[in-house]
Amino acid sequence: MRKGIHPENYRLVAFKDMSNEDVFITKSAAVTKETIEVDGVEYPVVKMEISRSSHPFYTGKHKLVDTAGRIDKFKNKYSSFKK
C-alpha cells in the first residue's frame, strides 16, 4: 500500500437513516459536527436519506419498470422529428 494517501482519522461513526430511524455504527473518516448516543456511548453521526435498511432493492419492495413501454412512448413522441 502507498503511504500518505489514506486518511488517518478513522473512528467509530454512527450512520442514521432518516427515513426509518435505523442507526448502524462503523469506522469512517466522515466529517460531522453532530453527535448521537447509542447504547450509552456518544458517537459522531452522519444523517442519510436512504440506506440498506430502507432502499427498495434491499428490502424487496422494488417495482418492475416496463422499459419496453417507455421505449415505445419515446419512439412515438419523437417519430415526427425523423428526417
C-alpha atoms as a PDB file:
ATOM      1  CA  MET A   1       0.000   0.000   0.000  1.00  0.00           C
ATOM      2  CA  ARG A   2       1.235   3.500  -0.781  1.00  0.00           C
ATOM      3  CA  LYS A   3       1.911   5.687   2.214  1.00  0.00           C
ATOM      4  CA  GLY A   4       0.327   9.093   2.737  1.00  0.00           C
ATOM      5  CA  ILE A   5      -2.776   8.634   0.570  1.00  0.00           C
ATOM      6  CA  HIS A   6      -5.200   7.245   3.155  1.00  0.00           C
ATOM      7  CA  PRO A   7      -6.900   9.328   5.872  1.00  0.00           C
ATOM      8  CA  GLU A   8      -5.612   8.775   9.376  1.00  0.00           C
ATOM      9  CA  ASN A   9      -8.639   9.999  11.322  1.00  0.00           C
ATOM     10  CA  TYR A  10     -10.686   6.770  11.244  1.00  0.00           C
ATOM     11  CA  ARG A  11     -13.031   6.464  14.192  1.00  0.00           C
ATOM     12  CA  LEU A  12     -16.377   4.857  15.027  1.00  0.00           C
ATOM     13  CA  VAL A  13     -19.219   6.851  13.454  1.00  0.00           C
ATOM     14  CA  ALA A  14     -22.988   6.301  13.682  1.00  0.00           C
ATOM     15  CA  PHE A  15     -24.871   6.476  10.376  1.00  0.00           C
ATOM     16  CA  LYS A  16     -28.568   7.288  10.835  1.00  0.00           C
ATOM     17  CA  ASP A  17     -31.186   6.594   8.163  1.00  0.00           C
ATOM     18  CA  MET A  18     -33.663   9.464   8.454  1.00  0.00           C
ATOM     19  CA  SER A  19     -36.478   7.622   6.665  1.00  0.00           C
ATOM     20  CA  ASN A  20     -36.800   4.833   9.246  1.00  0.00           C
ATOM     21  CA  GLU A  21     -34.546   5.966  12.147  1.00  0.00           C
ATOM     22  CA  ASP A  22     -32.222   2.947  11.735  1.00  0.00           C
ATOM     23  CA  VAL A  23     -28.714   3.523  13.168  1.00  0.00           C
ATOM     24  CA  PHE A  24     -25.612   1.486  12.438  1.00  0.00           C
ATOM     25  CA  ILE A  25     -22.059   2.052  13.612  1.00  0.00           C
ATOM     26  CA  THR A  26     -18.939   1.569  11.534  1.00  0.00           C
ATOM     27  CA  LYS A  27     -15.485   3.062  11.155  1.00  0.00           C
ATOM     28  CA  SER A  28     -15.313   6.148   8.973  1.00  0.00           C
ATOM     29  CA  ALA A  29     -13.359   9.327   8.333  1.00  0.00           C
ATOM     30  CA  ALA A  30     -16.549  11.300   7.546  1.00  0.00           C
ATOM     31  CA  VAL A  31     -16.550  14.835   8.931  1.00  0.00           C
ATOM     32  CA  THR A  32     -19.541  15.760  11.091  1.00  0.00           C
ATOM     33  CA  LYS A  33     -20.375  18.173  13.895  1.00  0.00           C
ATOM     34  CA  GLU A  34     -23.408  16.365  15.333  1.00  0.00           C
ATOM     35  CA  THR A  35     -23.355  13.514  17.829  1.00  0.00           C
ATOM     36  CA  ILE A  36     -25.793  10.816  18.904  1.00  0.00           C
ATOM     37  CA  GLU A  37     -25.918   8.497  21.905  1.00  0.00           C
ATOM     38  CA  VAL A  38     -26.234   4.784  21.132  1.00  0.00           C
ATOM     39  CA  ASP A  39     -26.255   2.253  23.989  1.00  0.00           C
ATOM     40  CA  GLY A  40     -24.848   4.833  26.392  1.00  0.00           C
ATOM     41  CA  VAL A  41     -21.913   5.779  24.137  1.00  0.00           C
ATOM     42  CA  GLU A  42     -21.728   9.065  22.222  1.00  0.00           C
ATOM     43  CA  TYR A  43     -20.714   8.869  18.534  1.00  0.00           C
ATOM     44  CA  PRO A  44     -20.419  11.425  15.733  1.00  0.00           C
ATOM     45  CA  VAL A  45     -23.463  10.979  13.481  1.00  0.00           C
ATOM     46  CA  VAL A  46     -23.873  11.156   9.696  1.00  0.00           C
ATOM     47  CA  LYS A  47     -27.509  11.512   8.595  1.00  0.00           C
ATOM     48  CA  MET A  48     -28.597   9.748   5.390  1.00  0.00           C
ATOM     49  CA  GLU A  49     -31.821   9.843   3.412  1.00  0.00           C
ATOM     50  CA  ILE A  50     -31.613   6.190   2.364  1.00  0.00           C
ATOM     51  CA  SER A  51     -29.570   3.181   3.454  1.00  0.00           C
ATOM     52  CA  ARG A  52     -29.556  -0.593   3.205  1.00  0.00           C
ATOM     53  CA  SER A  53     -32.463  -0.788   5.640  1.00  0.00           C
ATOM     54  CA  SER A  54     -34.780   1.440   3.591  1.00  0.00           C
ATOM     55  CA  HIS A  55     -33.620   1.074  -0.041  1.00  0.00           C
ATOM     56  CA  PRO A  56     -36.273  -0.716  -2.125  1.00  0.00           C
ATOM     57  CA  PHE A  57     -33.721  -3.047  -3.730  1.00  0.00           C
ATOM     58  CA  TYR A  58     -32.568  -4.431  -0.371  1.00  0.00           C
ATOM     59  CA  THR A  59     -35.991  -4.503   1.279  1.00  0.00           C
ATOM     60  CA  GLY A  60     -37.605  -6.377  -1.628  1.00  0.00           C
ATOM     61  CA  LYS A  61     -40.192  -3.679  -2.248  1.00  0.00           C
ATOM     62  CA  HIS A  62     -38.863  -2.510  -5.609  1.00  0.00           C
ATOM     63  CA  LYS A  63     -41.115  -2.094  -8.622  1.00  0.00           C
ATOM     64  CA  LEU A  64     -40.522  -3.597 -12.021  1.00  0.00           C
ATOM     65  CA  VAL A  65     -40.220  -0.946 -14.710  1.00  0.00           C
ATOM     66  CA  ASP A  66     -41.840  -1.516 -18.080  1.00  0.00           C
ATOM     67  CA  THR A  67     -38.872  -0.498 -20.222  1.00  0.00           C
ATOM     68  CA  ALA A  68     -40.459  -1.693 -23.472  1.00  0.00           C
ATOM     69  CA  GLY A  69     -43.421   0.611 -22.916  1.00  0.00           C
ATOM     70  CA  ARG A  70     -41.110   3.513 -22.180  1.00  0.00           C
ATOM     71  CA  ILE A  71     -39.115   2.923 -25.352  1.00  0.00           C
ATOM     72  CA  ASP A  72     -42.294   2.800 -27.440  1.00  0.00           C
ATOM     73  CA  LYS A  73     -43.517   6.053 -25.892  1.00  0.00           C
ATOM     74  CA  PHE A  74     -40.182   7.709 -26.677  1.00  0.00           C
ATOM     75  CA  LYS A  75     -40.227   6.498 -30.291  1.00  0.00           C
ATOM     76  CA  ASN A  76     -43.825   7.664 -30.788  1.00  0.00           C
ATOM     77  CA  LYS A  77     -43.124  11.039 -29.255  1.00  0.00           C
ATOM     78  CA  TYR A  78     -40.075  11.782 -31.411  1.00  0.00           C
ATOM     79  CA  SER A  79     -41.104   9.989 -34.603  1.00  0.00           C
ATOM     80  CA  SER A  80     -42.263  13.264 -36.154  1.00  0.00           C
ATOM     81  CA  PHE A  81     -38.684  14.620 -35.983  1.00  0.00           C
ATOM     82  CA  LYS A  82     -37.284  11.907 -38.256  1.00  0.00           C
ATOM     83  CA  LYS A  83     -35.567  13.067 -41.436  1.00  0.00           C
END
